[in-house]
Amino acid sequence: MSENIIKKPFGLNVAIPQKTVQEIQKIAKQELEEITVNPFINYFEENDKVFSGKVADEIDKYRAQMYSVNQLMNKHQPRSTFNINI
């Protein structure tokens, strides 16, 4: 009696066609590749300047420009001095 219970189909024992299984595997593989790999690849491509050190060079260039502009702007302003007359 117990052997019949084990061999008896239970629930929705429906055979899924092989073509459907292959399509599901194909779609799942594409979606997982797109989800897991593409964001990382895009991140590294978009932020390539950071990893190659070009950002530091650009920051130094802008810092030098800012210093030069500030020097030119402050050139015509009188410098404040301490007048110490005793």
C-alpha atoms as a PDB file:
ATOM      1  CA  MET A   1       0.000   0.000   0.000  1.00  0.00           C
ATOM      2  CA  SER A   2       2.755   2.480   0.866  1.00  0.00           C
ATOM      3  CA  GLU A   3       4.492   1.812  -2.481  1.00  0.00           C
ATOM      4  CA  ASN A   4       1.390   2.959  -4.349  1.00  0.00           C
ATOM      5  CA  ILE A   5       1.316   6.241  -2.428  1.00  0.00           C
ATOM      6  CA  ILE A   6       4.931   7.042  -3.317  1.00  0.00           C
ATOM      7  CA  LYS A   7       4.538   6.221  -7.017  1.00  0.00           C
ATOM      8  CA  LYS A   8       1.231   7.999  -7.320  1.00  0.00           C
ATOM      9  CA  PRO A   9       1.383  11.439  -8.994  1.00  0.00           C
ATOM     10  CA  PHE A  10       0.910  14.321  -6.591  1.00  0.00           C
ATOM     11  CA  GLY A  11      -0.189  17.864  -7.364  1.00  0.00           C
ATOM     12  CA  LEU A  12       0.418  19.352 -10.788  1.00  0.00           C
ATOM     13  CA  ASN A  13       2.573  16.718 -12.400  1.00  0.00           C
ATOM     14  CA  VAL A  14       2.633  18.266 -15.840  1.00  0.00           C
ATOM     15  CA  ALA A  15       5.407  17.521 -18.272  1.00  0.00           C
ATOM     16  CA  ILE A  16       6.954  20.768 -19.551  1.00  0.00           C
ATOM     17  CA  PRO A  17       8.045  20.603 -23.195  1.00  0.00           C
ATOM     18  CA  GLN A  18      11.825  20.661 -23.724  1.00  0.00           C
ATOM     19  CA  LYS A  19      11.544  23.689 -26.038  1.00  0.00           C
ATOM     20  CA  THR A  20       9.863  25.677 -23.257  1.00  0.00           C
ATOM     21  CA  VAL A  21      12.577  24.708 -20.777  1.00  0.00           C
ATOM     22  CA  GLN A  22      15.256  25.825 -23.238  1.00  0.00           C
ATOM     23  CA  GLU A  23      13.507  29.158 -23.818  1.00  0.00           C
ATOM     24  CA  ILE A  24      13.199  29.754 -20.080  1.00  0.00           C
ATOM     25  CA  GLN A  25      16.895  28.974 -19.601  1.00  0.00           C
ATOM     26  CA  LYS A  26      17.846  31.281 -22.475  1.00  0.00           C
ATOM     27  CA  ILE A  27      15.751  34.177 -21.152  1.00  0.00           C
ATOM     28  CA  ALA A  28      16.953  33.681 -17.571  1.00  0.00           C
ATOM     29  CA  LYS A  29      20.584  33.628 -18.701  1.00  0.00           C
ATOM     30  CA  GLN A  30      20.161  36.842 -20.730  1.00  0.00           C
ATOM     31  CA  GLU A  31      18.404  38.640 -17.882  1.00  0.00           C
ATOM     32  CA  LEU A  32      20.952  37.564 -15.284  1.00  0.00           C
ATOM     33  CA  GLU A  33      23.856  38.591 -17.517  1.00  0.00           C
ATOM     34  CA  GLU A  34      22.265  41.967 -18.097  1.00  0.00           C
ATOM     35  CA  ILE A  35      21.504  42.477 -14.423  1.00  0.00           C
ATOM     36  CA  THR A  36      24.803  41.342 -12.933  1.00  0.00           C
ATOM     37  CA  VAL A  37      27.484  42.130 -15.508  1.00  0.00           C
ATOM     38  CA  ASN A  38      26.360  45.135 -17.537  1.00  0.00           C
ATOM     39  CA  PRO A  39      26.024  47.594 -14.633  1.00  0.00           C
ATOM     40  CA  PHE A  40      29.581  46.803 -13.539  1.00  0.00           C
ATOM     41  CA  ILE A  41      30.956  47.135 -17.066  1.00  0.00           C
ATOM     42  CA  ASN A  42      29.057  50.390 -17.576  1.00  0.00           C
ATOM     43  CA  TYR A  43      30.292  51.710 -14.231  1.00  0.00           C
ATOM     44  CA  PHE A  44      33.920  51.088 -15.142  1.00  0.00           C
ATOM     45  CA  GLU A  45      33.473  52.544 -18.636  1.00  0.00           C
ATOM     46  CA  GLU A  46      31.727  55.680 -17.373  1.00  0.00           C
ATOM     47  CA  ASN A  47      34.247  56.261 -14.577  1.00  0.00           C
ATOM     48  CA  ASP A  48      37.359  55.350 -16.523  1.00  0.00           C
ATOM     49  CA  LYS A  49      38.891  58.761 -15.793  1.00  0.00           C
ATOM     50  CA  VAL A  50      38.789  58.070 -12.079  1.00  0.00           C
ATOM     51  CA  PHE A  51      40.582  54.759 -12.361  1.00  0.00           C
ATOM     52  CA  SER A  52      43.182  55.976 -14.853  1.00  0.00           C
ATOM     53  CA  GLY A  53      44.113  59.047 -12.780  1.00  0.00           C
ATOM     54  CA  LYS A  54      42.851  61.600 -15.286  1.00  0.00           C
ATOM     55  CA  VAL A  55      40.461  63.087 -12.724  1.00  0.00           C
ATOM     56  CA  ALA A  56      43.346  64.035 -10.443  1.00  0.00           C
ATOM     57  CA  ASP A  57      45.041  65.752 -13.380  1.00  0.00           C
ATOM     58  CA  GLU A  58      41.856  67.660 -14.204  1.00  0.00           C
ATOM     59  CA  ILE A  59      41.437  68.720 -10.571  1.00  0.00           C
ATOM     60  CA  ASP A  60      45.011  70.019 -10.512  1.00  0.00           C
ATOM     61  CA  LYS A  61      44.426  71.880 -13.779  1.00  0.00           C
ATOM     62  CA  TYR A  62      41.266  73.559 -12.444  1.00  0.00           C
ATOM     63  CA  ARG A  63      43.001  74.378  -9.160  1.00  0.00           C
ATOM     64  CA  ALA A  64      45.815  76.115 -11.081  1.00  0.00           C
ATOM     65  CA  GLN A  65      43.272  78.034 -13.188  1.00  0.00           C
ATOM     66  CA  MET A  66      41.376  79.099 -10.084  1.00  0.00           C
ATOM     67  CA  TYR A  67      44.598  80.309  -8.461  1.00  0.00           C
ATOM     68  CA  SER A  68      45.555  82.297 -11.559  1.00  0.00           C
ATOM     69  CA  VAL A  69      42.115  83.895 -11.840  1.00  0.00           C
ATOM     70  CA  ASN A  70      42.128  84.809  -8.146  1.00  0.00           C
ATOM     71  CA  GLN A  71      45.567  86.363  -8.487  1.00  0.00           C
ATOM     72  CA  LEU A  72      44.444  88.454 -11.451  1.00  0.00           C
ATOM     73  CA  MET A  73      41.258  89.569  -9.717  1.00  0.00           C
ATOM     74  CA  ASN A  74      43.047  90.523  -6.506  1.00  0.00           C
ATOM     75  CA  LYS A  75      45.912  92.267  -8.289  1.00  0.00           C
ATOM     76  CA  HIS A  76      44.138  95.621  -8.475  1.00  0.00           C
ATOM     77  CA  GLN A  77      42.772  95.561  -4.949  1.00  0.00           C
ATOM     78  CA  PRO A  78      44.884  97.286  -2.345  1.00  0.00           C
ATOM     79  CA  ARG A  79      46.398  94.970   0.187  1.00  0.00           C
ATOM     80  CA  SER A  80      45.481  95.565   3.746  1.00  0.00           C
ATOM     81  CA  THR A  81      48.503  96.319   5.840  1.00  0.00           C
ATOM     82  CA  PHE A  82      49.011  96.846   9.502  1.00  0.00           C
ATOM     83  CA  ASN A  83      49.961 100.389  10.326  1.00  0.00           C
ATOM     84  CA  ILE A  84      51.972 100.162  13.467  1.00  0.00           C
ATOM     85  CA  ASN A  85      53.201 103.598  14.478  1.00  0.00           C
ATOM     86  CA  ILE A  86      54.384 103.969  17.963  1.00  0.00           C
END
